[in-house]
Amino acid sequence: MKLPISFSFLLFVFFIFSPPARGEHEGKVQILLLGDSTTEGSVPRALKPEGPHLEQVLEKLLTVEEGLQPCHVINSSQSGEYIRRLLDKGRYQKNGAKLPGIDYIFIRYGINDRARIENFGENFPRDFHELIKVLRKDHPRALIIPTTVIPFSSEEASKEINDLVRQVAKVEKLEVFDIYPGYAKAMEQGPNMLNYRRYSLDKIPAQYHEWLKPRVRGGRVEIMDNELDALFGHLPGWTGDRHPNLAGYNVIAAETAKYMIPLLKARKK
């Protein structure tokens, strides 16, 4: 009998989202990432399971900075997630509330919230405040860091989200990590260099289907970068998926490390 979920996938979920054993990372600074698919990186993990992925790259970048305490980064993010779902469906209570010794928590939501909840301008800040309240209760020693979204949606939509993030942070007396400009700057080297290609197979001429079969998942061709742009780049929407590829997550890791280094140095004083 063919199981609907592979054993390897269950191991992956357990590794990424299970709380570490108490004492396993003793002596390390613990950093928790909460976010949606633009933080999780499910497609890059599927295409290149060995990574390195966002949390691993961030750990390495902080390790090479001389004099910093070792860090452990927990990526507890999920595709399609928004704050209301995180709180109401029990995932935070299962995978975030009991994590021991968390020192920093990055919160990056808004893209799915804007698409899924009614009266976004009122309810998103309300949900954000509620999440911060829960985090402060469960992780009283952690520094909470509201984070702007990356350039995923239109400029107008991104600005709406990021303005609300800043509004929440101001009320909560928290500093915002504004990742948007750094990511946008990196995109100037090529507008599609930081996103993978995910494209419906039925939109590609039939003569290529057999050849592309190893690249198909869920009825869509998935390619990490520009490998097949020369063949299919002319197809409408070929580069339309704006989710980061591994290069994009390296930008996120690098920008996050730049933000973290002064905090970690100040922590030592």
Protein backbone atom coordinates (compact mmCIF):
# COMPACT_ATOMS: atom_id res chain seq x y z
CA MET A 1 0.00 0.00 0.00
CA LYS A 2 1.36 3.40 -0.96
CA LEU A 3 1.35 5.84 1.94
CA PRO A 4 0.13 9.40 1.21
CA ILE A 5 3.04 10.97 3.09
CA SER A 6 6.57 9.62 2.77
CA PHE A 7 8.58 8.62 5.82
CA SER A 8 11.40 10.94 4.73
CA PHE A 9 8.97 13.87 4.66
CA LEU A 10 7.84 13.06 8.21
CA LEU A 11 11.47 13.02 9.32
CA PHE A 12 11.98 16.41 7.67
CA VAL A 13 8.95 17.88 9.49
CA PHE A 14 10.14 16.41 12.78
CA PHE A 15 13.65 17.83 12.31
CA ILE A 16 12.53 21.33 11.34
CA PHE A 17 9.57 21.85 13.65
CA SER A 18 10.26 19.74 16.74
CA PRO A 19 11.53 21.48 19.87
CA PRO A 20 15.17 20.66 20.66
CA ALA A 21 15.85 18.52 23.69
CA ARG A 22 16.50 20.57 26.81
CA GLY A 23 20.23 21.23 27.11
CA GLU A 24 20.96 20.16 23.54
CA HIS A 25 21.98 23.70 22.57
CA GLU A 26 23.05 24.92 25.99
CA GLY A 27 25.46 27.83 25.78
CA LYS A 28 24.20 28.94 22.37
CA VAL A 29 22.10 31.98 21.55
CA GLN A 30 18.69 30.69 20.45
CA ILE A 31 17.01 32.45 17.51
CA LEU A 32 13.45 31.58 16.46
CA LEU A 33 12.10 32.41 12.98
CA LEU A 34 8.31 32.65 12.61
CA GLY A 35 6.90 33.23 9.15
CA ASP A 36 5.27 31.92 6.00
CA SER A 37 6.59 30.22 2.85
CA THR A 38 9.06 33.05 2.23
CA THR A 39 10.76 32.01 5.49
CA GLU A 40 10.19 28.24 5.38
CA GLY A 41 11.48 27.54 1.86
CA SER A 42 9.60 24.30 1.21
CA VAL A 43 10.42 24.08 -2.52
CA PRO A 44 14.19 24.65 -2.12
CA ARG A 45 14.12 22.02 0.64
CA ALA A 46 12.40 19.58 -1.71
CA LEU A 47 14.72 20.33 -4.64
CA LYS A 48 17.91 20.35 -2.56
CA PRO A 49 17.25 18.67 0.81
CA GLU A 50 20.90 18.88 1.85
CA GLY A 51 20.75 22.68 1.67
CA PRO A 52 22.23 24.64 3.22
CA HIS A 53 18.95 26.37 4.01
CA LEU A 54 18.10 29.68 5.66
CA GLU A 55 18.65 28.72 9.30
CA GLN A 56 21.89 26.88 8.49
CA VAL A 57 23.34 29.74 6.46
CA LEU A 58 22.41 32.25 9.18
CA GLU A 59 24.17 30.13 11.79
CA LYS A 60 27.30 29.95 9.60
CA LEU A 61 27.33 33.70 8.92
CA LEU A 62 27.13 34.42 12.64
CA THR A 63 29.81 31.82 13.37
CA VAL A 64 32.39 33.44 11.07
CA GLU A 65 31.96 36.81 12.81
CA GLU A 66 34.82 36.84 15.30
CA GLY A 67 34.01 36.96 18.98
CA LEU A 68 30.30 36.12 18.82
CA GLN A 69 28.65 33.50 20.98
CA PRO A 70 27.57 30.43 18.95
CA CYS A 71 23.96 30.58 17.74
CA HIS A 72 21.26 28.02 17.08
CA VAL A 73 18.53 29.07 14.63
CA ILE A 74 15.11 27.37 14.70
CA ASN A 75 13.04 27.88 11.56
CA SER A 76 9.46 27.29 12.71
CA SER A 77 7.72 28.66 9.63
CA GLN A 78 5.12 27.14 7.34
CA SER A 79 3.88 27.71 3.81
CA GLY A 80 0.53 29.43 3.58
CA GLU A 81 0.66 30.54 7.18
CA TYR A 82 -0.73 33.76 8.60
CA ILE A 83 -0.87 34.91 12.21
CA ARG A 84 -4.48 33.91 12.84
CA ARG A 85 -3.86 30.38 11.58
CA LEU A 86 -0.63 30.09 13.58
CA LEU A 87 -2.51 30.86 16.78
CA ASP A 88 -5.85 29.18 16.11
CA LYS A 89 -4.75 25.87 14.58
CA GLY A 90 -2.44 24.93 17.45
CA ARG A 91 0.86 24.90 15.56
CA TYR A 92 2.42 27.59 17.73
CA GLN A 93 1.29 25.85 20.91
CA LYS A 94 2.81 22.60 19.65
CA ASN A 95 6.02 23.85 18.03
CA GLY A 96 6.78 27.25 19.54
CA ALA A 97 5.35 27.78 23.00
CA LYS A 98 7.54 25.21 24.77
CA LEU A 99 10.87 25.90 23.08
CA PRO A 100 13.41 26.41 25.87
CA GLY A 101 15.76 29.37 26.21
CA ILE A 102 14.71 31.48 23.21
CA ASP A 103 16.68 34.75 23.04
CA TYR A 104 15.44 36.37 19.79
CA ILE A 105 12.22 35.94 17.82
CA PHE A 106 11.87 37.24 14.26
CA ILE A 107 8.24 37.63 13.10
CA ARG A 108 7.65 37.96 9.36
CA TYR A 109 3.99 37.72 8.38
CA GLY A 110 1.60 39.77 6.27
CA ILE A 111 1.53 38.32 2.75
CA ASN A 112 -0.99 35.57 3.48
CA ASP A 113 -2.74 37.65 6.13
CA ARG A 114 -3.52 40.27 3.48
CA ALA A 115 -4.96 37.57 1.19
CA ARG A 116 -6.86 35.57 3.81
CA ILE A 117 -8.35 37.84 6.47
CA GLU A 118 -11.14 40.37 6.22
CA ASN A 119 -10.54 44.04 7.01
CA PHE A 120 -6.80 43.57 6.78
CA GLY A 121 -5.91 47.09 7.91
CA GLU A 122 -7.65 46.53 11.25
CA ASN A 123 -7.35 42.80 11.86
CA PHE A 124 -3.70 42.27 10.89
CA PRO A 125 -2.40 44.71 13.55
CA ARG A 126 -4.81 43.20 16.08
CA ASP A 127 -3.53 39.68 15.33
CA PHE A 128 0.09 40.90 15.43
CA HIS A 129 -0.43 42.46 18.87
CA GLU A 130 -2.02 39.22 20.08
CA LEU A 131 0.95 37.17 18.84
CA ILE A 132 3.42 39.50 20.56
CA LYS A 133 1.45 39.18 23.81
CA VAL A 134 1.58 35.38 23.58
CA LEU A 135 5.30 35.39 22.79
CA ARG A 136 6.06 37.69 25.71
CA LYS A 137 4.23 35.34 28.04
CA ASP A 138 5.88 32.18 26.77
CA HIS A 139 9.35 33.63 26.14
CA PRO A 140 9.73 36.51 28.60
CA ARG A 141 13.47 36.93 28.10
CA ALA A 142 13.34 36.96 24.28
CA LEU A 143 13.77 40.09 22.19
CA ILE A 144 10.87 40.17 19.72
CA ILE A 145 11.76 41.56 16.28
CA PRO A 146 8.90 42.47 13.90
CA THR A 147 10.21 42.14 10.35
CA THR A 148 9.02 43.67 7.09
CA VAL A 149 8.12 41.40 4.18
CA ILE A 150 10.43 40.91 1.21
CA PRO A 151 9.46 42.20 -2.30
CA PHE A 152 6.99 39.40 -3.04
CA SER A 153 3.73 41.20 -3.77
CA SER A 154 3.34 44.49 -5.61
CA GLU A 155 5.09 47.55 -4.23
CA GLU A 156 1.73 48.93 -3.13
CA ALA A 157 0.75 45.74 -1.28
CA SER A 158 4.19 45.42 0.31
CA LYS A 159 4.06 49.01 1.52
CA GLU A 160 0.63 48.47 3.04
CA ILE A 161 1.88 45.41 4.95
CA ASN A 162 5.15 46.99 6.04
CA ASP A 163 3.51 50.22 7.20
CA LEU A 164 1.24 48.15 9.46
CA VAL A 165 4.24 46.19 10.80
CA ARG A 166 5.91 49.48 11.71
CA GLN A 167 2.68 50.71 13.30
CA VAL A 168 2.49 47.61 15.51
CA ALA A 169 6.17 47.87 16.44
CA LYS A 170 5.79 51.50 17.46
CA VAL A 171 2.89 50.72 19.79
CA GLU A 172 4.77 47.73 21.25
CA LYS A 173 7.98 49.78 21.58
CA LEU A 174 9.93 47.31 19.45
CA GLU A 175 12.52 47.94 16.76
CA VAL A 176 11.65 46.82 13.23
CA PHE A 177 14.05 44.77 11.13
CA ASP A 178 13.45 46.25 7.68
CA ILE A 179 14.61 43.54 5.29
CA TYR A 180 12.71 44.92 2.30
CA PRO A 181 15.36 47.43 1.04
CA GLY A 182 18.24 44.93 1.24
CA TYR A 183 16.34 42.28 -0.68
CA ALA A 184 15.17 44.83 -3.26
CA LYS A 185 18.77 45.98 -3.70
CA ALA A 186 19.91 42.41 -4.36
CA MET A 187 17.18 42.05 -6.99
CA GLU A 188 18.77 44.87 -8.99
CA GLN A 189 21.38 42.36 -10.19
CA GLY A 190 18.53 40.60 -12.02
CA PRO A 191 14.81 40.71 -11.21
CA ASN A 192 14.44 36.91 -11.34
CA MET A 193 17.75 35.75 -9.92
CA LEU A 194 16.38 35.28 -6.40
CA ASN A 195 13.18 33.34 -7.18
CA TYR A 196 12.64 29.77 -8.31
CA ARG A 197 10.51 28.76 -11.30
CA ARG A 198 7.27 26.89 -10.59
CA TYR A 199 5.11 26.47 -13.65
CA SER A 200 2.11 24.33 -14.58
CA LEU A 201 3.16 21.44 -16.80
CA ASP A 202 0.00 21.75 -18.90
CA LYS A 203 1.15 25.22 -20.02
CA ILE A 204 4.31 23.75 -21.54
CA PRO A 205 4.20 22.16 -25.04
CA ALA A 206 3.38 18.45 -24.77
CA GLN A 207 6.56 17.28 -26.52
CA TYR A 208 8.57 18.33 -23.45
CA HIS A 209 6.44 16.60 -20.84
CA GLU A 210 8.22 13.25 -20.74
CA TRP A 211 11.61 14.92 -20.58
CA LEU A 212 10.49 17.22 -17.76
CA LYS A 213 8.80 14.48 -15.72
CA PRO A 214 11.63 14.25 -13.13
CA ARG A 215 11.19 18.01 -12.50
CA VAL A 216 7.42 17.82 -11.91
CA ARG A 217 5.79 17.89 -8.48
CA GLY A 218 2.07 18.35 -7.98
CA GLY A 219 1.51 19.00 -11.67
CA ARG A 220 4.08 21.80 -11.82
CA VAL A 221 7.63 22.00 -13.07
CA GLU A 222 9.93 23.22 -10.29
CA ILE A 223 13.35 24.64 -11.13
CA MET A 224 15.64 26.32 -8.61
CA ASP A 225 16.92 29.09 -10.87
CA ASN A 226 17.36 30.17 -14.51
CA GLU A 227 18.49 26.76 -15.79
CA LEU A 228 15.58 26.40 -18.24
CA ASP A 229 14.91 30.09 -18.94
CA ALA A 230 16.51 29.80 -22.39
CA LEU A 231 13.94 27.14 -23.32
CA PHE A 232 10.79 28.32 -21.59
CA GLY A 233 11.44 31.90 -20.55
CA HIS A 234 9.22 33.14 -23.37
CA LEU A 235 6.16 31.39 -21.90
CA PRO A 236 3.75 33.80 -20.16
CA GLY A 237 4.30 33.75 -16.41
CA TRP A 238 7.37 31.49 -16.47
CA THR A 239 9.08 33.65 -13.81
CA GLY A 240 5.84 34.66 -12.11
CA ASP A 241 6.42 32.75 -8.86
CA ARG A 242 8.23 35.16 -6.52
CA HIS A 243 9.17 32.73 -3.76
CA PRO A 244 12.89 32.81 -2.95
CA ASN A 245 15.26 30.18 -4.25
CA LEU A 246 18.41 29.29 -2.32
CA ALA A 247 20.07 32.49 -3.57
CA GLY A 248 17.10 34.47 -2.23
CA TYR A 249 17.33 32.76 1.15
CA ASN A 250 21.04 33.54 1.24
CA VAL A 251 20.13 37.21 0.85
CA ILE A 252 17.64 36.88 3.72
CA ALA A 253 20.31 35.16 5.84
CA ALA A 254 22.92 37.80 5.02
CA GLU A 255 20.58 40.71 5.81
CA THR A 256 19.47 39.01 9.03
CA ALA A 257 23.09 38.41 10.06
CA LYS A 258 23.92 42.09 9.47
CA TYR A 259 21.03 43.02 11.72
CA MET A 260 21.94 40.47 14.38
CA ILE A 261 25.67 41.12 14.71
CA PRO A 262 25.38 44.46 16.56
CA LEU A 263 22.75 42.93 18.88
CA LEU A 264 24.98 39.98 19.68
CA LYS A 265 28.02 42.20 20.25
CA ALA A 266 26.03 44.44 22.58
CA ARG A 267 24.84 41.33 24.41
CA LYS A 268 28.43 40.53 25.39
CA LYS A 269 29.07 43.87 27.06
